[in-house]
Structures are given as C-alpha cells and as structure tokens.
Protein backbone atom coordinates (compact mmCIF):
# COMPACT_ATOMS: atom_id res chain seq x y z
CA MET A 1 88.41 231.38 11.62
CA ASP A 2 89.60 229.79 14.87
CA ILE A 3 88.64 232.46 17.51
CA SER A 4 86.23 235.43 17.45
CA VAL A 5 86.80 237.81 20.59
CA VAL A 6 83.44 239.81 20.99
CA ILE A 7 83.85 242.91 23.19
CA PRO A 8 81.02 245.31 24.03
CA VAL A 9 82.37 248.87 24.27
CA TYR A 10 80.91 251.61 26.44
CA ASN A 11 82.91 254.75 27.05
CA SER A 12 86.22 253.10 27.04
CA ALA A 13 88.32 255.18 24.66
CA ASN A 14 91.24 255.22 27.17
CA THR A 15 91.61 251.29 27.31
CA LEU A 16 91.01 250.27 23.82
CA SER A 17 94.42 250.64 22.29
CA LEU A 18 96.10 248.65 25.05
CA LEU A 19 93.38 245.95 25.04
CA VAL A 20 93.96 245.46 21.27
CA ASP A 21 97.70 245.33 21.71
CA ARG A 22 97.40 242.66 24.49
CA LEU A 23 94.82 240.73 22.53
CA ILE A 24 97.01 240.59 19.46
CA SER A 25 99.99 239.53 21.35
CA THR A 26 98.02 236.75 23.02
CA MET A 27 96.60 235.49 19.70
CA GLU A 28 99.86 235.57 18.00
CA GLN A 29 101.40 233.36 20.59
CA LEU A 30 98.53 230.79 20.04
CA HIS A 31 99.16 230.74 16.34
CA VAL A 32 95.49 230.64 15.36
CA SER A 33 93.34 232.72 12.98
CA TYR A 34 91.25 235.38 14.91
CA GLU A 35 89.22 238.40 14.63
CA LEU A 36 88.59 241.16 17.33
CA LEU A 37 84.95 242.28 17.21
CA PHE A 38 84.12 245.41 18.97
CA VAL A 39 80.46 246.49 19.31
CA ASP A 40 80.17 250.19 20.30
CA ASP A 41 77.15 250.34 22.58
CA GLY A 42 76.16 254.04 22.22
CA SER A 43 79.30 255.28 23.81
CA GLN A 44 79.38 259.10 24.65
CA ASP A 45 83.19 259.50 24.49
CA GLU A 46 85.74 259.00 21.73
CA SER A 47 85.45 255.11 21.53
CA TRP A 48 84.20 255.10 17.96
CA GLN A 49 86.97 257.28 16.71
CA THR A 50 89.42 255.19 18.59
CA LEU A 51 87.98 251.97 17.04
CA ASN A 52 88.30 253.67 13.60
CA GLN A 53 91.95 254.37 14.30
CA LEU A 54 92.53 250.81 15.63
CA HIS A 55 90.98 249.33 12.39
CA ARG A 56 93.36 251.31 10.24
CA GLU A 57 96.29 250.10 12.17
CA HIS A 58 95.09 246.41 12.25
CA PRO A 59 92.61 246.03 9.28
CA GLU A 60 93.37 242.37 9.21
CA CYS A 61 91.69 241.46 12.55
CA VAL A 62 89.80 244.46 14.03
CA VAL A 63 86.09 244.56 13.25
CA ALA A 64 83.98 247.34 14.70
CA ILE A 65 80.14 247.80 14.80
CA GLN A 66 78.49 251.08 16.03
CA LEU A 67 75.05 250.73 17.41
CA MET A 68 72.64 253.63 17.20
CA ARG A 69 71.93 253.97 21.05
CA ASN A 70 72.77 252.18 24.22
CA PHE A 71 71.02 248.83 24.03
CA GLY A 72 72.78 247.13 27.01
CA GLN A 73 75.75 244.85 27.22
CA HIS A 74 73.76 241.60 26.50
CA ASN A 75 72.12 243.00 23.41
CA ALA A 76 75.46 244.33 22.09
CA LEU A 77 76.96 240.69 22.60
CA MET A 78 74.05 239.29 20.48
CA CYS A 79 75.01 241.69 17.68
CA GLY A 80 78.65 240.66 18.07
CA PHE A 81 77.74 236.94 17.96
CA ARG A 82 75.76 237.30 14.74
CA HIS A 83 78.75 238.92 13.17
CA SER A 84 81.35 236.53 14.54
CA GLN A 85 82.90 233.67 12.41
CA GLY A 86 85.10 231.87 14.89
CA GLN A 87 84.80 228.22 15.92
CA PHE A 88 85.35 229.44 19.36
CA VAL A 89 83.83 232.72 20.60
CA VAL A 90 85.29 234.59 23.57
CA THR A 91 83.60 237.42 25.37
CA LEU A 92 85.25 239.92 27.83
CA ASP A 93 84.92 243.41 29.10
CA ASP A 94 86.56 246.55 27.61
CA ASP A 95 88.11 247.70 30.81
CA LEU A 96 91.19 245.27 30.94
CA GLN A 97 89.85 243.79 34.24
CA ASN A 98 89.61 240.44 32.26
CA PRO A 99 93.22 239.78 31.30
CA PRO A 100 93.37 238.64 27.66
CA GLU A 101 96.45 236.41 28.55
CA GLU A 102 93.95 234.18 30.27
CA ILE A 103 92.28 233.23 26.82
CA PRO A 104 94.82 230.40 26.22
CA ARG A 105 93.84 228.67 29.41
CA LEU A 106 90.08 228.90 28.55
CA LEU A 107 90.88 227.48 25.13
CA GLN A 108 92.90 224.61 26.52
CA VAL A 109 90.14 223.62 28.95
CA ILE A 110 87.24 223.70 26.22
CA ARG A 111 89.47 221.94 23.68
CA ASP A 112 90.44 219.16 26.09
CA SER A 113 86.91 218.52 27.38
CA SER A 114 83.34 217.98 26.04
CA LEU A 115 82.24 221.46 27.35
CA ASP A 116 80.30 223.76 25.24
CA LEU A 117 80.96 226.75 27.51
CA VAL A 118 83.70 227.78 30.03
CA TYR A 119 83.61 230.68 32.36
CA GLY A 120 86.54 232.48 33.61
CA VAL A 121 85.62 233.12 37.38
CA PRO A 122 87.86 235.58 39.29
CA GLU A 123 89.32 234.21 42.53
CA LEU A 124 88.83 237.78 43.93
CA LYS A 125 86.79 240.41 42.07
CA GLN A 126 88.35 243.87 41.89
CA HIS A 127 85.06 245.69 41.96
CA SER A 128 83.26 248.01 44.56
CA SER A 129 81.33 246.60 47.34
CA TRP A 130 77.79 247.58 45.85
CA ARG A 131 79.04 246.03 42.48
CA ASN A 132 80.02 242.89 43.98
CA LEU A 133 76.75 242.68 45.92
CA GLY A 134 74.78 243.12 42.73
CA SER A 135 76.74 240.50 40.87
CA TRP A 136 76.28 238.12 43.83
CA VAL A 137 72.58 238.57 43.83
CA VAL A 138 72.32 237.96 40.01
CA ARG A 139 74.74 234.90 40.31
CA THR A 140 72.84 233.40 43.21
CA VAL A 141 69.49 233.78 41.46
CA PHE A 142 70.93 232.15 38.36
CA ARG A 143 72.14 229.21 40.33
CA ILE A 144 68.86 228.62 41.92
CA MET A 145 66.95 228.98 38.72
CA PHE A 146 69.16 226.85 36.70
CA ARG A 147 70.13 224.32 39.33
CA THR A 148 73.75 224.70 38.82
CA ARG A 149 76.86 225.55 40.77
CA ILE A 150 78.51 227.50 37.98
CA SER A 151 79.27 231.10 38.54
CA ILE A 152 78.51 233.26 35.72
CA THR A 153 80.90 236.18 34.49
CA SER A 154 81.17 238.17 31.38
CA PHE A 155 84.59 236.38 30.62
CA ARG A 156 83.48 233.22 28.72
CA MET A 157 84.55 230.86 25.85
CA MET A 158 81.83 228.98 23.75
CA ARG A 159 81.84 226.66 20.91
CA ARG A 160 80.33 227.80 17.67
CA GLU A 161 77.45 225.35 17.93
CA LEU A 162 76.25 226.82 21.05
CA VAL A 163 76.55 230.53 19.85
CA GLN A 164 74.53 229.55 16.65
CA ALA A 165 71.92 227.96 18.90
CA ILE A 166 71.00 231.29 20.38
CA PHE A 167 70.69 233.23 17.11
CA PRO A 168 66.93 232.85 16.79
CA TYR A 169 66.26 234.82 20.04
CA ASN A 170 65.83 238.52 18.71
CA LEU A 171 63.67 239.96 21.58
CA ASN A 172 64.85 242.99 23.37
CA PHE A 173 65.09 241.75 27.01
CA THR A 174 68.19 239.62 26.65
CA PHE A 175 70.24 237.65 29.29
CA VAL A 176 72.83 235.70 27.36
CA ASP A 177 73.76 233.48 30.11
CA GLY A 178 70.20 232.29 30.56
CA LEU A 179 69.97 231.63 26.76
CA LEU A 180 73.21 229.66 26.90
CA ALA A 181 72.04 227.63 29.86
CA TRP A 182 68.74 226.87 28.09
CA ASN A 183 70.72 225.16 25.31
CA THR A 184 73.43 223.12 27.02
CA GLN A 185 74.43 221.61 30.45
CA ARG A 186 78.04 221.03 29.48
CA ILE A 187 79.26 224.10 31.20
CA GLY A 188 82.47 224.59 33.13
CA GLN A 189 84.59 227.23 34.99
CA LEU A 190 88.21 228.11 35.36
CA THR A 191 89.59 230.41 38.17
CA VAL A 192 91.26 233.30 36.35
CA ASN A 193 93.07 236.52 37.46
CA HIS A 194 90.90 239.73 37.79
CA GLN A 195 92.77 243.01 37.71
CA PRO A 196 91.74 246.35 39.21
CA ARG A 197 90.20 249.08 37.13
CA THR A 198 92.90 251.54 36.12
CA THR A 199 90.61 254.25 34.44
CA GLY A 200 87.05 255.32 34.16
CA GLN A 201 84.09 253.64 36.07
CA THR A 202 81.96 250.58 35.55
CA GLY A 203 79.11 250.80 32.95
CA TYR A 204 76.80 249.01 35.41
CA SER A 205 74.99 251.20 37.61
CA ILE A 206 72.62 250.06 40.30
CA SER A 207 69.71 250.54 38.06
CA LYS A 208 71.23 248.49 35.15
CA LEU A 209 71.95 245.67 37.68
CA VAL A 210 68.23 245.80 38.71
CA VAL A 211 67.18 245.67 34.96
CA LEU A 212 69.62 242.73 34.42
CA ALA A 213 68.15 240.84 37.41
CA LEU A 214 64.56 241.56 36.15
CA ASN A 215 65.50 240.18 32.70
CA LEU A 216 66.65 237.00 34.38
CA PHE A 217 63.55 236.62 36.45
CA THR A 218 60.94 237.43 33.74
CA ASN A 219 62.60 235.84 30.79
CA PHE A 220 63.67 232.47 32.30
CA SER A 221 61.48 231.75 35.35
CA LEU A 222 58.06 231.88 36.75
CA LEU A 223 59.53 231.97 40.10
CA PRO A 224 58.35 235.56 40.96
CA LEU A 225 54.82 234.67 40.11
CA GLN A 226 55.03 231.68 42.20
CA VAL A 227 56.41 233.46 45.16
CA VAL A 228 53.56 235.99 44.93
CA SER A 229 51.01 233.04 44.84
CA PHE A 230 52.63 231.46 47.88
CA VAL A 231 52.69 234.80 49.85
CA GLY A 232 49.03 235.36 48.95
CA PHE A 233 48.11 231.93 50.11
CA ILE A 234 49.96 232.61 53.43
CA ALA A 235 48.21 235.94 53.77
CA ALA A 236 44.87 234.71 53.14
CA THR A 237 45.32 231.60 55.45
CA THR A 238 46.63 233.98 58.22
CA GLY A 239 43.60 236.27 57.75
CA LEU A 240 41.15 233.45 57.92
CA LEU A 241 42.67 232.06 61.20
CA ALA A 242 42.83 235.59 62.63
CA GLY A 243 39.13 236.03 61.77
CA LEU A 244 38.28 232.76 63.44
CA TYR A 245 40.18 233.74 66.45
CA TYR A 246 38.52 237.10 66.86
CA LEU A 247 35.08 235.65 66.11
CA ALA A 248 35.61 233.04 69.02
CA ALA A 249 36.92 235.91 71.25
CA SER A 250 33.91 237.95 70.41
CA LEU A 251 31.53 235.33 71.22
CA LEU A 252 33.30 234.64 74.42
CA HIS A 253 33.30 238.38 75.37
CA ASN A 254 37.03 238.18 75.57
CA ILE A 255 37.76 241.40 73.67
CA ARG A 256 38.19 244.14 76.21
CA VAL A 257 39.17 247.05 74.02
CA PRO A 258 38.31 246.94 70.27
CA GLY A 259 41.67 247.65 68.38
CA TYR A 260 42.17 250.33 65.64
CA ALA A 261 45.82 249.71 65.15
CA SER A 262 45.27 246.07 64.21
CA ILE A 263 42.87 247.13 61.42
CA ILE A 264 45.25 249.59 60.01
CA VAL A 265 48.14 247.25 60.13
CA SER A 266 46.16 244.40 58.48
CA ILE A 267 45.07 246.85 55.74
CA LEU A 268 48.55 248.17 55.06
CA VAL A 269 50.13 244.62 54.86
CA LEU A 270 47.41 243.19 52.70
CA GLY A 271 47.44 246.12 50.56
CA GLY A 272 51.23 246.10 50.24
CA ILE A 273 51.06 242.49 49.20
CA GLN A 274 48.45 243.24 46.57
CA LEU A 275 50.49 246.15 45.12
CA LEU A 276 53.56 243.97 45.00
CA SER A 277 51.78 241.18 43.19
CA LEU A 278 50.35 243.64 40.64
CA GLY A 279 53.78 245.10 40.13
CA ILE A 280 55.34 241.74 39.37
CA ILE A 281 52.50 240.74 37.00
CA GLY A 282 52.77 244.11 35.41
CA GLU A 283 56.51 243.58 34.73
CA TYR A 284 55.58 240.30 32.84
CA LEU A 285 52.77 241.96 30.91
CA GLY A 286 54.97 245.08 30.04
CA ARG A 287 57.77 243.03 28.65
CA LEU A 288 55.38 240.90 26.85
CA HIS A 289 53.80 244.13 25.28
CA LEU A 290 57.05 245.50 24.23
CA ASN A 291 58.17 242.34 22.62
CA VAL A 292 54.89 242.06 20.76
CA ASN A 293 55.53 245.46 19.40
CA ARG A 294 58.93 244.27 18.21
CA LYS A 295 61.01 246.73 20.35
CA PRO A 296 64.39 246.21 18.54
CA GLN A 297 67.19 244.06 20.12
CA TYR A 298 69.68 246.48 18.57
CA THR A 299 70.00 248.82 15.74
CA ILE A 300 73.20 248.99 13.74
CA ARG A 301 74.58 252.52 12.50
CA LYS A 302 77.97 251.52 10.84
CA THR A 303 80.13 248.43 10.53
CA ILE A 304 83.80 248.40 9.92
CA ASN A 305 84.98 244.93 8.98
CA SER A 306 88.53 243.56 7.87
CA VAL A 307 87.40 242.82 4.36
CA GLU A 308 85.12 245.41 3.01
CA GLY A 309 86.18 248.38 5.20
CA MET A 310 83.35 250.84 6.42
CA SER A 311 79.77 250.04 5.13
CA ALA A 312 76.31 251.10 6.04
CA THR A 313 74.12 248.32 7.43
CA LYS A 314 70.40 247.69 8.01
CA ASP A 315 68.92 249.75 10.75
CA HIS A 316 67.11 246.99 12.66
CA ALA A 317 68.18 243.73 14.34
CA PRO A 318 67.98 240.86 11.92
CA SER A 319 64.96 238.74 11.67
CA GLU A 320 65.10 234.86 11.73
CA THR A 321 65.00 234.77 7.91
CA GLU A 322 67.70 237.36 7.56
CA MET A 323 69.83 235.58 10.07
CA ASP A 324 69.38 232.20 8.24
CA SER A 325 70.21 233.64 4.98
CA SER A 326 73.42 235.32 6.38
CA THR A 327 75.06 232.01 7.69
CA ASP A 328 75.99 228.97 5.73
CA VAL A 329 75.64 226.61 8.81
CA GLU A 330 72.40 225.24 9.99
CA THR A 331 71.27 226.75 13.30
CA SER A 332 69.51 224.63 15.81
CA ALA A 333 67.42 225.75 18.57
C-alpha cells in the first residue's frame, strides 16, 4: 500500500461523499495504491450510515471504523494509524477545509527530502477568531516546548517508520504531534490552501481546545510545575523582603496607620498562588491516576474494511502485545 489517508469523523455526514469523491480523484491522478480510512468518533448524526453507503460504493478503498463513544480527535487518529497499511500516512479533517488536492504536493516534498513528517500549513486559516486564537496558543506552546519553528496542523503526511514508532503509546491523554516530535527532528512544512467551511460547525469547542492544551502541557513537559516553582520562589522572596521592610519601619516607628488592606491583599495573592499550584499538580496526579487505571485510549464497536466487509472487533484499545502481533514489521520506540 502506497498511501493511507486517515480521517477522524465527527458529525460530518454532509461532507463525506464529496470528500471521498475528491480523494479518489486525487489518488487516481497519482497512480498509487491507497486506502481511505475513516474513524467515526462517536458522531451523533448520520455519519456512520453514510460511511456504510460509501463503502458499498467503493469497497476497494473505503475502510470505516466506528468507536463506541467520542474519544477525541487524537485518540481517533491513533486508532486509524494502527489500522493503516500505507508507506505514507496522510491525516486531514473531514470538513473539506483541508483540500485533498494538496496531497500530491505533500507527497512530492516528503519523497524528495529526508523528512519523516511534513505539515500542510495554511497561509490564511478560514476559522472563527476564537478558534484561530486557540490554535495559536497550542501552536505557540508546542514551539516553545519542542524548540522548533514548525507550525503544527491537522493536515500532515508521515513516513510509515514514524507512524509505527508511536504505536506503543496506548494511554488516553494523547497529543499526536507531541508523540511525533518525540521520535524525529526531520520535520518540515509546506504552505497550502485552506478553504472556508461550507456546512456544519467545528468539532473543537473552547473546552476541547483547553483539554488539548492540557494534554500538551502535562504529557510532554514539566513547564507548568517549573513555572509554579518559580512563582512560589518569587512570592516567598517578596514576602521576606516585605517582612524585613515592615520590621525596620516598626522599629523606627515609621508606621503611622496599621494597614488592614495590605494584609487582606497579601492573603488573597498568596492563597491564589497556592490554589493555582495545587490545581496544576492535581492535573498531573489526576491524569496519572486515570492512566494507571487504564482508561481506554479508544474502544471499537465495528469495522468495515475493504477485504472482509463488516466485522465485530475487540472492545478495547490494543495492548502492546496485540499491536506487535498485528503487524509484520518491527516497531521501534
């Protein structure tokens, strides 16, 4: 298999048929073997029924997986990666904002270079202002944490070796771009077109963007804990200096009116810092607790593939042993 296209699906019944038509047209022009792998991430509309129909129309290339609930885009991507077979794996959104016609350009760049991963970066994103702001925050934090100038997007092409390298990660709080950056520095980007959304609304609410940012923070960096330590040090130093100042002022009888407001403000500031610190530490401990209890990365309800048709599958994310036995190629961490 030359190319696998992995697409998380969430409430996109209206765009799937056109997306498949454009993908097939693009792939036929490339003259490559390919598969279109859709992961239905707990959609509430007719997306699964639409995928069934698309498989009947294109049984040779359309693969569909239905998850038992909404696990999030990055967990759905991990599911799609483990079922993919292509030497190159492409990911893009299901809303047609990432034009499938840009895939040949990504393929040319990654083939003509020694890169393991290429991002398709829009010159101008056609999102709402709050969505662009949230993406900018996540992108900026990623650049700082991984010391890179690359802009991460959901439109990417990877080599098979890199995709297999992240298979062992089977925990719930997933951030795919962080896993990829952990395994390679050969990352590039290509400016691509980005089209306005024609129907529906984005699956990323403010709360989901916050969760995504927390996954990035807590899974790949100790930066929040280091910031809390630094803030605590500054607060303690400031309190010590203020205490010395007021002690000297008291000995010199330079305090005219004992202040009530300063005490309240100090208590509120220090109390706020302590609660913030406990909250950040709690995020780390809570995620560790859920991962120790093996909260599933994803759970599959049904699979429709191009060879066997519809089949029931295991109701849990694969363990490392199962993943090793399901692939014929050696997986490296």
